[in-house]
Amino acid sequence: MRPHRRGAALLASLLSIALVATACGDDGDNNAGSDSTTTQVDVPKGGTLVIGAEQEPECMDWMGTCSGSSWGYWMVAINTMPRAFDILKQSNGTYEYKPNSVLTGEPKLETEPVQKITYDINPKAVWSDGTAITSSDFKYTWNQIANTEDIYDKTGYDLIAGVDDSNPAQAVVTFKSGQRFSDWKGLFTGNYGIYPSSLEGKDRNAEMKDGYKFSGGPWMLEGWTKTDNITLVPNPQFWGPKPNLDKVIFKVQANTSAEFAAFKSPQVSVIYPQPQLDAVDQINAGLPGTKKDISAVTGNFEALWLNNGVAPFDDVAVRKAVAYAIDREAIVERLFGALGVKAPLQDLNATIVKQFTDPNAYSKYKLDLAESDKLLTGAGWAKGSDGIYAKSGQKLTFKVRTTAGNKRRETTQQILQTQFKAAGMDMQVDNQPAGDLFGKSLPAGDFQAAIYAQVLTSLSPSTCNLFCIKNSKPIGETGGNNYTRTRIPALDELLLKMDGELDEDELTAAGKEVSKISAENVISLPIDPLPTILLWKTSVVGPVADNAVLGPFWNMHLWGVTS
């Protein structure tokens, strides 16, 4: 689900990041196994593929804060928005950035006297109406992100001085004097891709929020019947390999259980379910006629996100007391033990970039009720006769939100509720539909604590978009990705340094220090690396495989269906 870490890529020297084994102790790829390697077959032309979708976006303006669900990004944005780079898994298991066919090749990077990037645009690249993709589209995209309001994340774009579009076939991006951006390959790639300049002078959000007709990818949106389905059809003007299928229908499911029921019937042929307990049980029991790609090494990281801008989590003592009040290892074992994931995540970042972080930063926070009590009493809290701490007449009560109907996260809430009660804290459940949570409450800071995952759309280890002060709005206002309203100057300085750092050693050192400060202040509490599960019926053929960054449908135009 998106809140996406929709960031950017590193320098060329950083573009290949080896996947690493997670804390489950296996060989790194998965426990339940992968059947993603298929016998080479001819992929037939034609047919309709129906895919189960656990969520739908609140809107389809990918720049807007309303576009918080990662499902919208995976289903529609990846398949319709042209982008400068692809992020592809190599045969050795690493992910690398490769220029997309929108470009003629690798862009030219200059760093002196100012950072400058020159993109040469493929003359074959056109929009679905046949008009050329030009440098004006790059310029429009930058200007909208950098200079308009209610933008999901401006990271990197806000450092650009301008885009020269005088040559339609060449976009020249120049950064402001004294500004550098290490993640430049993620610009016009993750997050948003490239928007058409034909939107110039129009209300972009109004044009796109309920769906859009243009496309610069292999697919285009045929229709969106909200709460029911999203339908894609081939883009006849796409200059690359055209889709084999005639149509793809993403059928919206109420929850993972409904998704599995539809998969086991003839209703849907592909699902990407959350690793719910009942789903894991069904997978381990065996699903005839099914192939799978299950991985515990992902671009995801799930946490108990704490709103540092509202009580009681505006007090670092309370945040630390919470960290010592719960048994994260027991939670992870309960949720993901059957997939081989048994240890909690110990940093607020994904495992695929852990070489740039301290993956053990939060390891000291284990269940320790004595330490939790010491922190609270030292901050002026005292237990009442009901066993709940209080201070100045206010009980230590807080609400934890997550996506309504997500059984695994609801199970997490139940475990937390019991653990918090034993620690003298009153936790209440306050769940919302995904669209409301990601499209409204989180961006506005309208929560005390929440359980959800961040999903990387790049290999960048910087989390400035999540925790930098410039991305934090006052409570009640939207814009920026700092939902937790984290405002720590020392952390800010390091994160800003990472965004502009061109030296790999310096970047790594800063990343490890970021992990340390994050843990010292318990800005939020990591839980798990959220394993991914992709299941498809044997009637679906082609190179079906999950992509840790682009998602499960990144190469759907190469799929086909047999009778």
Protein backbone atom coordinates (compact mmCIF):
# COMPACT_ATOMS: atom_id res chain seq x y z
CA MET A 1 0.00 0.00 0.00
CA ARG A 2 1.20 3.42 -0.75
CA PRO A 3 2.30 5.58 1.42
CA HIS A 4 5.03 4.88 -0.91
CA ARG A 5 8.59 5.78 -0.37
CA ARG A 6 8.43 7.02 -3.87
CA GLY A 7 11.98 8.20 -4.01
CA ALA A 8 14.78 8.17 -6.54
CA ALA A 9 17.86 6.27 -7.57
CA LEU A 10 21.46 6.59 -6.45
CA LEU A 11 24.47 7.46 -8.53
CA ALA A 12 25.73 5.02 -11.12
CA SER A 13 28.14 3.53 -8.60
CA LEU A 14 25.20 2.67 -6.37
CA LEU A 15 22.81 1.36 -8.94
CA SER A 16 23.41 -2.32 -8.21
CA ILE A 17 22.40 -3.19 -4.67
CA ALA A 18 22.70 -6.82 -3.68
CA LEU A 19 19.67 -8.33 -2.04
CA VAL A 20 20.43 -9.55 1.45
CA ALA A 21 19.03 -12.29 3.63
CA THR A 22 16.44 -11.13 6.08
CA ALA A 23 16.39 -11.89 9.78
CA CYS A 24 14.55 -15.15 9.13
CA GLY A 25 17.92 -16.85 8.70
CA ASP A 26 17.24 -18.59 5.39
CA ASP A 27 19.05 -18.09 2.11
CA GLY A 28 17.31 -14.82 1.58
CA ASP A 29 14.74 -15.37 -1.12
CA ASN A 30 11.83 -17.11 0.53
CA ASN A 31 10.69 -19.90 2.77
CA ALA A 32 7.57 -21.19 1.06
CA GLY A 33 9.42 -21.31 -2.25
CA SER A 34 9.13 -19.77 -5.66
CA ASP A 35 7.61 -21.38 -8.72
CA SER A 36 8.14 -18.27 -10.82
CA THR A 37 10.42 -20.01 -13.32
CA THR A 38 8.14 -21.39 -16.00
CA THR A 39 8.75 -23.73 -18.88
CA GLN A 40 9.31 -21.69 -22.02
CA VAL A 41 6.03 -21.49 -23.91
CA ASP A 42 4.67 -19.38 -26.72
CA VAL A 43 2.55 -16.65 -25.18
CA PRO A 44 -0.77 -16.59 -27.03
CA LYS A 45 -2.38 -13.41 -28.30
CA GLY A 46 -5.77 -12.25 -27.10
CA GLY A 47 -7.96 -13.00 -24.14
CA THR A 48 -8.95 -11.25 -20.91
CA LEU A 49 -7.13 -11.61 -17.62
CA VAL A 50 -8.91 -10.91 -14.33
CA ILE A 51 -6.71 -10.03 -11.35
CA GLY A 52 -7.86 -9.71 -7.75
CA ALA A 53 -7.01 -6.32 -6.20
CA GLU A 54 -7.07 -5.76 -2.45
CA GLN A 55 -7.28 -1.99 -2.74
CA GLU A 56 -8.11 0.77 -5.15
CA PRO A 57 -6.67 4.28 -5.08
CA GLU A 58 -8.47 7.25 -3.63
CA CYS A 59 -7.57 9.07 -6.84
CA MET A 60 -5.37 8.67 -9.96
CA ASP A 61 -3.52 11.96 -9.83
CA TRP A 62 -0.24 10.37 -8.81
CA MET A 63 1.22 13.72 -7.75
CA GLY A 64 -1.59 14.45 -5.31
CA THR A 65 -1.64 13.41 -1.68
CA CYS A 66 -4.91 11.62 -2.45
CA SER A 67 -2.99 8.90 -4.33
CA GLY A 68 -1.73 7.16 -1.22
CA SER A 69 -2.55 3.54 -2.06
CA SER A 70 0.30 1.57 -3.64
CA TRP A 71 -2.26 -0.55 -5.50
CA GLY A 72 -3.08 2.39 -7.73
CA TYR A 73 0.60 2.83 -8.45
CA TRP A 74 1.11 -0.87 -9.24
CA MET A 75 -2.03 -1.31 -11.35
CA VAL A 76 -2.27 1.90 -13.34
CA ALA A 77 0.67 4.28 -12.92
CA ILE A 78 3.38 1.72 -13.73
CA ASN A 79 1.49 0.62 -16.86
CA THR A 80 0.39 3.99 -18.25
CA MET A 81 2.90 6.67 -17.19
CA PRO A 82 6.14 6.81 -19.22
CA ARG A 83 9.31 6.94 -17.12
CA ALA A 84 12.99 7.72 -17.60
CA PHE A 85 14.29 4.52 -15.95
CA ASP A 86 13.18 0.99 -15.20
CA ILE A 87 14.37 -0.84 -12.09
CA LEU A 88 15.04 -4.43 -13.09
CA LYS A 89 16.14 -7.55 -11.26
CA GLN A 90 19.28 -9.10 -12.71
CA SER A 91 20.16 -12.79 -12.94
CA ASN A 92 22.42 -12.47 -9.88
CA GLY A 93 19.53 -11.16 -7.77
CA THR A 94 20.52 -7.50 -7.76
CA TYR A 95 18.35 -4.65 -8.97
CA GLU A 96 19.74 -2.14 -11.44
CA TYR A 97 18.48 1.01 -13.11
CA LYS A 98 18.16 0.76 -16.87
CA PRO A 99 17.09 3.60 -19.16
CA ASN A 100 13.49 3.14 -20.27
CA SER A 101 12.74 3.14 -24.01
CA VAL A 102 11.45 6.69 -23.59
CA LEU A 103 15.14 7.63 -23.80
CA THR A 104 17.73 6.84 -26.45
CA GLY A 105 20.15 5.72 -23.74
CA GLU A 106 21.82 6.73 -20.49
CA PRO A 107 21.32 10.43 -19.69
CA LYS A 108 24.39 12.64 -19.44
CA LEU A 109 25.25 13.71 -15.89
CA GLU A 110 27.37 16.80 -15.16
CA THR A 111 28.27 17.91 -11.64
CA GLU A 112 30.28 21.09 -12.23
CA PRO A 113 29.77 24.00 -11.98
CA VAL A 114 26.23 22.89 -11.15
CA GLN A 115 24.52 19.53 -11.43
CA LYS A 116 22.93 19.06 -14.84
CA ILE A 117 21.20 16.10 -16.49
CA THR A 118 20.59 15.84 -20.23
CA TYR A 119 17.90 13.42 -21.39
CA ASP A 120 17.79 12.47 -25.10
CA ILE A 121 14.25 11.42 -25.93
CA ASN A 122 13.49 8.49 -28.22
CA PRO A 123 11.85 9.86 -31.40
CA LYS A 124 9.57 6.81 -31.40
CA ALA A 125 8.14 7.65 -27.95
CA VAL A 126 4.60 9.00 -28.29
CA TRP A 127 1.50 9.50 -26.21
CA SER A 128 -1.61 7.45 -26.89
CA ASP A 129 -3.00 10.21 -29.14
CA GLY A 130 0.08 9.92 -31.35
CA THR A 131 1.76 13.16 -30.26
CA ALA A 132 5.46 12.97 -29.42
CA ILE A 133 6.75 12.78 -25.86
CA THR A 134 8.97 15.85 -25.67
CA SER A 135 11.11 17.91 -23.33
CA SER A 136 8.04 20.06 -22.59
CA ASP A 137 6.53 17.03 -20.85
CA PHE A 138 9.60 16.84 -18.59
CA LYS A 139 9.32 20.56 -17.89
CA TYR A 140 5.61 20.39 -17.12
CA THR A 141 6.15 17.44 -14.75
CA TRP A 142 8.90 19.23 -12.84
CA ASN A 143 6.97 22.49 -12.60
CA GLN A 144 3.84 20.81 -11.28
CA ILE A 145 5.72 18.89 -8.60
CA ALA A 146 8.01 21.71 -7.52
CA ASN A 147 5.66 24.67 -7.71
CA THR A 148 2.11 23.58 -6.92
CA GLU A 149 0.37 22.64 -3.70
CA ASP A 150 -0.89 19.34 -2.29
CA ILE A 151 1.96 17.31 -3.79
CA TYR A 152 2.72 13.85 -2.42
CA ASP A 153 6.49 14.33 -2.37
CA LYS A 154 8.67 17.10 -3.84
CA THR A 155 12.01 15.51 -2.96
CA GLY A 156 14.63 16.31 -5.60
CA TYR A 157 12.29 18.30 -7.81
CA ASP A 158 12.43 21.20 -5.36
CA LEU A 159 16.19 21.45 -5.95
CA ILE A 160 15.86 21.97 -9.70
CA ALA A 161 16.35 25.51 -11.05
CA GLY A 162 14.69 24.77 -14.36
CA VAL A 163 14.18 22.48 -17.34
CA ASP A 164 15.30 23.67 -20.77
CA ASP A 165 12.78 22.44 -23.35
CA SER A 166 14.00 24.55 -26.28
CA ASN A 167 14.90 21.31 -28.10
CA PRO A 168 11.82 19.05 -28.09
CA ALA A 169 14.02 15.96 -28.36
CA GLN A 170 16.27 16.86 -25.44
CA ALA A 171 15.35 17.84 -21.87
CA VAL A 172 18.12 19.57 -19.92
CA VAL A 173 17.54 19.64 -16.16
CA THR A 174 19.68 22.12 -14.22
CA PHE A 175 19.85 22.20 -10.44
CA LYS A 176 20.06 25.28 -8.28
CA SER A 177 23.51 26.62 -7.46
CA GLY A 178 25.02 24.73 -4.52
CA GLN A 179 22.44 21.95 -4.71
CA ARG A 180 23.16 18.36 -5.65
CA PHE A 181 20.84 15.40 -5.75
CA SER A 182 22.28 11.90 -5.47
CA ASP A 183 18.98 10.25 -6.39
CA TRP A 184 18.73 11.90 -9.81
CA LYS A 185 17.88 8.67 -11.65
CA GLY A 186 14.63 8.49 -9.75
CA LEU A 187 13.46 11.81 -11.18
CA PHE A 188 10.78 11.28 -13.83
CA THR A 189 10.91 7.58 -12.85
CA GLY A 190 9.48 6.43 -9.51
CA ASN A 191 6.59 8.27 -7.93
CA TYR A 192 5.14 9.98 -10.96
CA GLY A 193 6.84 9.14 -14.22
CA ILE A 194 6.35 11.79 -16.91
CA TYR A 195 3.12 13.78 -17.31
CA PRO A 196 1.88 15.18 -20.65
CA SER A 197 2.32 18.91 -21.11
CA SER A 198 -1.11 18.92 -22.78
CA LEU A 199 -2.41 19.34 -19.21
CA GLU A 200 -0.79 22.80 -19.08
CA GLY A 201 -3.37 25.42 -18.09
CA LYS A 202 -5.83 22.80 -16.85
CA ASP A 203 -6.67 21.65 -13.34
CA ARG A 204 -4.40 18.59 -13.25
CA ASN A 205 -6.08 16.96 -10.29
CA ALA A 206 -9.57 17.44 -11.72
CA GLU A 207 -8.42 15.99 -15.05
CA MET A 208 -6.89 12.88 -13.48
CA LYS A 209 -8.39 12.08 -10.09
CA ASP A 210 -11.19 9.88 -11.45
CA GLY A 211 -9.07 8.38 -14.22
CA TYR A 212 -7.45 9.66 -17.41
CA LYS A 213 -7.44 8.75 -21.10
CA PHE A 214 -3.82 9.50 -22.02
CA SER A 215 -1.05 6.93 -21.77
CA GLY A 216 2.66 6.69 -22.47
CA GLY A 217 2.95 3.04 -21.47
CA PRO A 218 1.88 -0.30 -22.94
CA TRP A 219 -1.58 -0.06 -21.39
CA MET A 220 -4.23 2.62 -21.12
CA LEU A 221 -7.16 3.00 -18.76
CA GLU A 222 -10.47 1.93 -20.28
CA GLY A 223 -12.52 2.58 -17.18
CA TRP A 224 -12.73 2.73 -13.41
CA THR A 225 -15.94 1.59 -11.74
CA LYS A 226 -15.19 2.55 -8.17
CA THR A 227 -15.39 -0.19 -5.54
CA ASP A 228 -15.74 -2.74 -8.35
CA ASN A 229 -13.01 -2.76 -11.01
CA ILE A 230 -10.26 -0.99 -12.93
CA THR A 231 -9.88 -2.05 -16.55
CA LEU A 232 -6.84 -1.62 -18.81
CA VAL A 233 -6.61 -2.16 -22.56
CA PRO A 234 -3.58 -2.03 -24.86
CA ASN A 235 -2.24 1.35 -25.92
CA PRO A 236 -2.24 1.07 -29.74
CA GLN A 237 0.40 3.80 -30.03
CA PHE A 238 2.95 2.18 -27.71
CA TRP A 239 6.28 1.98 -29.51
CA GLY A 240 7.61 -1.02 -27.56
CA PRO A 241 6.29 -4.60 -27.29
CA LYS A 242 2.51 -4.36 -27.31
CA PRO A 243 0.43 -6.33 -24.81
CA ASN A 244 -0.52 -9.89 -25.71
CA LEU A 245 -3.80 -9.65 -23.85
CA ASP A 246 -6.88 -7.83 -25.12
CA LYS A 247 -7.87 -6.63 -21.68
CA VAL A 248 -6.92 -6.79 -18.00
CA ILE A 249 -9.56 -6.32 -15.33
CA PHE A 250 -8.50 -5.63 -11.76
CA LYS A 251 -11.43 -6.85 -9.70
CA VAL A 252 -11.59 -5.07 -6.34
CA GLN A 253 -11.91 -7.50 -3.43
CA ALA A 254 -13.26 -6.70 0.01
CA ASN A 255 -10.34 -8.34 1.81
CA THR A 256 -7.72 -11.09 1.53
CA SER A 257 -10.23 -13.85 2.36
CA ALA A 258 -12.54 -12.71 -0.42
CA GLU A 259 -9.54 -12.47 -2.73
CA PHE A 260 -8.55 -16.09 -2.01
CA ALA A 261 -12.12 -17.29 -2.47
CA ALA A 262 -12.23 -15.60 -5.87
CA PHE A 263 -8.85 -17.10 -6.79
CA LYS A 264 -9.93 -20.63 -5.91
CA SER A 265 -13.01 -20.18 -8.07
CA PRO A 266 -12.92 -19.23 -11.77
CA GLN A 267 -13.35 -15.53 -10.94
CA VAL A 268 -9.72 -14.30 -10.86
CA SER A 269 -6.44 -15.80 -12.10
CA VAL A 270 -3.81 -13.69 -10.33
CA ILE A 271 -3.66 -12.33 -6.78
CA TYR A 272 -1.12 -10.41 -4.73
CA PRO A 273 -2.50 -11.04 -1.24
CA GLN A 274 -1.36 -9.57 2.00
CA PRO A 275 0.44 -12.23 4.08
CA GLN A 276 -2.59 -12.83 6.27
CA LEU A 277 -2.54 -15.83 8.60
CA ASP A 278 -5.28 -17.70 6.74
CA ALA A 279 -3.58 -16.96 3.39
CA VAL A 280 -0.30 -18.40 4.62
CA ASP A 281 -2.10 -21.49 5.90
CA GLN A 282 -3.77 -22.04 2.52
CA ILE A 283 -0.51 -21.60 0.63
CA ASN A 284 1.34 -24.05 2.86
CA ALA A 285 -1.51 -26.54 2.50
CA GLY A 286 -1.03 -26.41 -1.27
CA LEU A 287 -2.99 -24.79 -4.08
CA PRO A 288 -3.31 -27.10 -7.11
CA GLY A 289 -2.75 -25.54 -10.50
CA THR A 290 -1.01 -22.54 -8.99
CA LYS A 291 2.42 -21.00 -9.29
CA LYS A 292 3.90 -18.67 -6.69
CA ASP A 293 6.61 -16.11 -6.04
CA ILE A 294 7.07 -15.51 -2.31
CA SER A 295 9.83 -13.31 -0.95
CA ALA A 296 10.90 -12.01 2.44
CA VAL A 297 13.49 -9.70 0.84
CA THR A 298 11.40 -6.76 -0.25
CA GLY A 299 11.23 -3.04 -0.69
CA ASN A 300 8.59 -2.94 2.05
CA PHE A 301 8.84 -2.09 5.71
CA GLU A 302 5.97 -2.08 8.15
CA ALA A 303 5.94 -0.15 11.39
CA LEU A 304 3.88 1.21 14.24
CA TRP A 305 4.02 4.81 13.05
CA LEU A 306 3.84 7.37 15.85
CA ASN A 307 2.61 10.90 15.28
CA ASN A 308 5.34 12.97 16.91
CA GLY A 309 3.20 16.09 16.55
CA VAL A 310 0.31 15.11 18.84
CA ALA A 311 -0.10 13.81 22.39
CA PRO A 312 0.95 11.49 23.82
CA PHE A 313 3.66 10.76 21.24
CA ASP A 314 4.99 14.29 21.16
CA ASP A 315 6.84 13.15 24.33
CA VAL A 316 9.95 11.09 23.55
CA ALA A 317 9.69 9.40 26.96
CA VAL A 318 6.28 7.99 26.00
CA ARG A 319 7.60 6.82 22.64
CA LYS A 320 10.48 4.99 24.35
CA ALA A 321 8.15 3.53 26.96
CA VAL A 322 5.99 2.16 24.14
CA ALA A 323 9.08 0.58 22.55
CA TYR A 324 9.83 -1.29 25.80
CA ALA A 325 6.17 -2.17 26.40
CA ILE A 326 5.71 -4.55 23.48
CA ASP A 327 7.21 -7.84 22.36
CA ARG A 328 7.83 -7.30 18.66
CA GLU A 329 9.50 -10.69 18.26
CA ALA A 330 6.35 -12.46 19.45
CA ILE A 331 4.25 -10.40 17.03
CA VAL A 332 6.43 -11.22 14.01
CA GLU A 333 6.62 -14.91 14.94
CA ARG A 334 2.82 -15.05 15.18
CA LEU A 335 2.26 -13.27 11.89
CA PHE A 336 5.03 -14.54 9.64
CA GLY A 337 6.66 -17.52 11.32
CA ALA A 338 5.13 -19.88 8.75
CA LEU A 339 6.95 -17.93 6.01
CA GLY A 340 10.28 -18.19 7.83
CA VAL A 341 10.27 -14.57 9.05
CA LYS A 342 10.77 -14.79 12.80
CA ALA A 343 12.64 -11.66 13.89
CA PRO A 344 11.41 -8.07 13.85
CA LEU A 345 12.78 -5.37 11.59
CA GLN A 346 15.26 -3.21 13.50
CA ASP A 347 15.42 -0.09 11.35
CA LEU A 348 12.96 2.21 9.62
CA ASN A 349 14.05 1.23 6.16
CA ALA A 350 13.68 -1.70 3.78
CA THR A 351 15.98 -4.71 3.75
CA ILE A 352 17.09 -4.18 0.14
CA VAL A 353 18.98 -1.03 1.16
CA LYS A 354 20.28 -2.19 4.55
CA GLN A 355 23.93 -1.84 3.51
CA PHE A 356 23.39 1.92 3.83
CA THR A 357 21.76 1.72 7.27
CA ASP A 358 22.23 0.16 10.69
CA PRO A 359 19.93 -2.88 10.47
CA ASN A 360 20.25 -3.39 14.26
CA ALA A 361 19.48 0.17 15.33
CA TYR A 362 16.30 -0.69 17.25
CA SER A 363 17.48 -4.04 18.62
CA LYS A 364 17.74 -2.77 22.20
CA TYR A 365 13.98 -2.20 22.32
CA LYS A 366 12.67 -5.47 23.69
CA LEU A 367 9.89 -6.21 26.15
CA ASP A 368 11.01 -4.66 29.45
CA LEU A 369 8.15 -3.43 31.62
CA ALA A 370 10.52 -2.19 34.33
CA GLU A 371 12.27 0.10 31.85
CA SER A 372 8.93 1.25 30.46
CA ASP A 373 7.75 2.11 33.98
CA LYS A 374 11.02 3.93 34.74
CA LEU A 375 10.64 6.11 31.65
CA LEU A 376 7.01 7.00 32.38
CA THR A 377 7.42 7.70 36.09
CA GLY A 378 10.50 9.79 35.30
CA ALA A 379 8.35 11.87 32.96
CA GLY A 380 5.69 12.46 35.62
CA TRP A 381 3.25 9.65 34.86
CA ALA A 382 1.75 7.52 37.64
CA LYS A 383 -0.44 4.43 37.59
CA GLY A 384 -4.01 4.85 38.72
CA SER A 385 -6.15 2.34 40.58
CA ASP A 386 -7.24 0.94 37.21
CA GLY A 387 -3.65 0.12 36.34
CA ILE A 388 -3.42 2.78 33.63
CA TYR A 389 -0.85 5.56 33.79
CA ALA A 390 -2.07 9.14 34.01
CA LYS A 391 -0.51 12.59 34.12
CA SER A 392 -2.17 15.89 35.02
CA GLY A 393 -5.54 14.13 35.02
CA GLN A 394 -5.04 12.71 31.52
CA LYS A 395 -4.84 8.94 31.13
CA LEU A 396 -2.25 7.38 28.84
CA THR A 397 -4.84 6.52 26.20
CA PHE A 398 -4.25 6.52 22.46
CA LYS A 399 -5.84 5.20 19.28
CA VAL A 400 -4.08 3.01 16.72
CA ARG A 401 -5.42 3.14 13.18
CA THR A 402 -4.93 0.73 10.31
CA THR A 403 -6.76 -0.42 7.19
CA ALA A 404 -10.22 -1.73 8.06
CA GLY A 405 -10.73 -5.38 7.17
CA ASN A 406 -7.03 -6.26 7.15
CA LYS A 407 -7.15 -9.31 9.43
CA ARG A 408 -3.39 -9.53 9.92
CA ARG A 409 -3.14 -5.93 11.04
CA GLU A 410 -6.23 -6.32 13.17
CA THR A 411 -4.53 -9.32 14.78
CA THR A 412 -1.48 -7.11 15.38
CA GLN A 413 -3.74 -4.56 17.06
CA GLN A 414 -5.23 -7.24 19.32
CA ILE A 415 -1.76 -8.39 20.38
CA LEU A 416 -0.63 -4.80 20.96
CA GLN A 417 -3.76 -4.00 22.93
CA THR A 418 -3.05 -6.86 25.34
CA GLN A 419 0.63 -5.97 25.66
CA PHE A 420 -0.07 -2.27 26.20
CA LYS A 421 -2.65 -3.03 28.87
CA ALA A 422 -0.07 -5.10 30.77
CA ALA A 423 2.24 -2.07 30.54
CA GLY A 424 -0.38 0.33 31.91
CA MET A 425 -1.42 1.90 28.61
CA ASP A 426 -4.93 2.07 27.18
CA MET A 427 -4.85 1.42 23.43
CA GLN A 428 -8.01 1.77 21.38
CA VAL A 429 -8.72 0.60 17.82
CA ASP A 430 -9.78 3.22 15.28
CA ASN A 431 -9.65 1.71 11.78
CA GLN A 432 -10.59 3.24 8.44
CA PRO A 433 -11.02 2.15 4.81
CA ALA A 434 -7.72 2.27 2.95
CA GLY A 435 -8.77 5.22 0.80
CA ASP A 436 -9.63 7.33 3.84
CA LEU A 437 -6.54 6.33 5.79
CA PHE A 438 -3.98 6.88 3.01
CA GLY A 439 -5.81 9.61 1.12
CA LYS A 440 -7.06 11.75 4.00
CA SER A 441 -6.10 10.95 7.60
CA LEU A 442 -2.39 10.22 7.28
CA PRO A 443 -1.55 13.17 4.99
CA ALA A 444 -3.37 15.54 7.37
CA GLY A 445 -1.69 14.08 10.48
CA ASP A 446 -5.12 13.03 11.72
CA PHE A 447 -3.97 10.07 13.81
CA GLN A 448 -2.03 9.24 16.97
CA ALA A 449 -0.52 5.94 15.84
CA ALA A 450 -1.02 3.76 12.79
CA ILE A 451 0.09 0.42 11.36
CA TYR A 452 0.94 0.38 7.67
CA ALA A 453 3.86 -0.28 5.32
CA GLN A 454 6.09 1.98 3.29
CA VAL A 455 6.86 0.63 -0.17
CA LEU A 456 10.01 1.70 -1.97
CA THR A 457 9.83 2.79 -5.57
CA SER A 458 13.59 3.21 -5.82
CA LEU A 459 16.81 1.92 -4.31
CA SER A 460 17.52 5.15 -2.47
CA PRO A 461 18.33 4.68 1.23
CA SER A 462 17.38 8.26 2.13
CA THR A 463 14.15 8.72 4.07
CA CYS A 464 14.13 12.50 3.88
CA ASN A 465 10.72 12.41 2.24
CA LEU A 466 9.38 10.61 5.33
CA PHE A 467 11.18 12.47 8.11
CA CYS A 468 12.60 15.81 6.89
CA ILE A 469 11.13 18.96 8.40
CA LYS A 470 10.48 20.49 4.98
CA ASN A 471 8.08 17.61 4.28
CA SER A 472 6.14 18.16 7.50
CA LYS A 473 3.00 20.29 7.43
CA PRO A 474 1.11 21.56 10.49
CA ILE A 475 -1.48 19.13 11.81
CA GLY A 476 -4.58 19.38 9.65
CA GLU A 477 -2.73 20.44 6.50
CA THR A 478 -1.72 18.11 3.68
CA GLY A 479 1.33 18.13 1.43
CA GLY A 480 4.59 16.30 1.98
CA ASN A 481 5.18 12.74 3.07
CA ASN A 482 6.21 13.36 6.67
CA TYR A 483 2.96 11.98 8.08
CA THR A 484 4.51 11.44 11.53
CA ARG A 485 5.42 15.13 11.79
CA THR A 486 8.95 14.18 12.80
CA ARG A 487 10.94 17.36 13.43
CA ILE A 488 14.46 16.59 14.67
CA PRO A 489 17.08 19.07 13.41
CA ALA A 490 20.03 16.68 13.78
CA LEU A 491 18.16 14.01 11.81
CA ASP A 492 17.12 16.58 9.25
CA GLU A 493 20.70 17.66 8.64
CA LEU A 494 21.83 14.10 7.93
CA LEU A 495 18.90 13.26 5.69
CA LEU A 496 19.41 16.40 3.62
CA LYS A 497 23.09 15.47 3.36
CA MET A 498 22.12 12.01 2.08
CA ASP A 499 19.86 13.50 -0.59
CA GLY A 500 22.80 15.47 -1.98
CA GLU A 501 25.69 13.10 -1.22
CA LEU A 502 27.62 11.86 -4.26
CA ASP A 503 30.19 9.79 -2.36
CA GLU A 504 29.13 6.24 -1.47
CA ASP A 505 31.20 6.00 1.72
CA GLU A 506 29.84 9.31 3.00
CA LEU A 507 26.33 8.26 2.10
CA THR A 508 26.70 5.02 4.05
CA ALA A 509 28.13 6.81 7.10
CA ALA A 510 25.28 9.30 7.10
CA GLY A 511 22.72 6.52 6.69
CA LYS A 512 24.02 4.63 9.71
CA GLU A 513 23.92 7.82 11.79
CA VAL A 514 20.33 8.40 10.64
CA SER A 515 19.44 4.93 11.95
CA LYS A 516 21.06 5.77 15.29
CA ILE A 517 19.23 9.07 15.78
CA SER A 518 15.97 7.53 14.64
CA ALA A 519 16.29 4.78 17.26
CA GLU A 520 17.44 7.15 20.01
CA ASN A 521 14.29 9.20 19.51
CA VAL A 522 12.00 6.26 18.63
CA ILE A 523 10.41 8.39 15.92
CA SER A 524 8.35 5.28 15.11
CA LEU A 525 8.76 1.58 15.81
CA PRO A 526 9.67 -0.90 13.03
CA ILE A 527 7.82 -4.21 13.06
CA ASP A 528 8.51 -6.39 10.00
CA PRO A 529 9.80 -6.45 6.39
CA LEU A 530 6.33 -7.44 5.13
CA PRO A 531 6.90 -10.47 2.90
CA THR A 532 5.27 -10.44 -0.53
CA ILE A 533 3.14 -13.17 -2.12
CA LEU A 534 2.30 -13.37 -5.83
CA LEU A 535 0.07 -16.25 -6.94
CA TRP A 536 -1.13 -17.08 -10.43
CA LYS A 537 -2.89 -19.96 -12.12
CA THR A 538 -1.00 -22.12 -14.60
CA SER A 539 -3.26 -20.78 -17.33
CA VAL A 540 -1.38 -17.47 -17.01
CA VAL A 541 1.86 -17.71 -18.99
CA GLY A 542 4.83 -15.50 -19.66
CA PRO A 543 7.54 -13.98 -17.42
CA VAL A 544 5.33 -13.56 -14.34
CA ALA A 545 7.41 -12.46 -11.32
CA ASP A 546 7.24 -9.84 -8.60
CA ASN A 547 9.49 -6.78 -8.80
CA ALA A 548 10.55 -5.52 -5.37
CA VAL A 549 10.31 -1.91 -6.52
CA LEU A 550 7.93 -1.69 -9.50
CA GLY A 551 5.45 -4.18 -8.08
CA PRO A 552 3.83 -7.37 -9.41
CA PHE A 553 2.36 -6.04 -12.68
CA TRP A 554 5.41 -4.25 -14.06
CA ASN A 555 5.73 -6.51 -17.15
CA MET A 556 2.10 -7.49 -17.55
CA HIS A 557 2.17 -6.59 -21.26
CA LEU A 558 4.31 -9.73 -21.78
CA TRP A 559 1.79 -12.06 -20.10
CA GLY A 560 -0.84 -14.18 -21.80
CA VAL A 561 -3.57 -16.66 -20.99
CA THR A 562 -4.18 -20.18 -22.28
CA SER A 563 -7.56 -21.87 -22.47
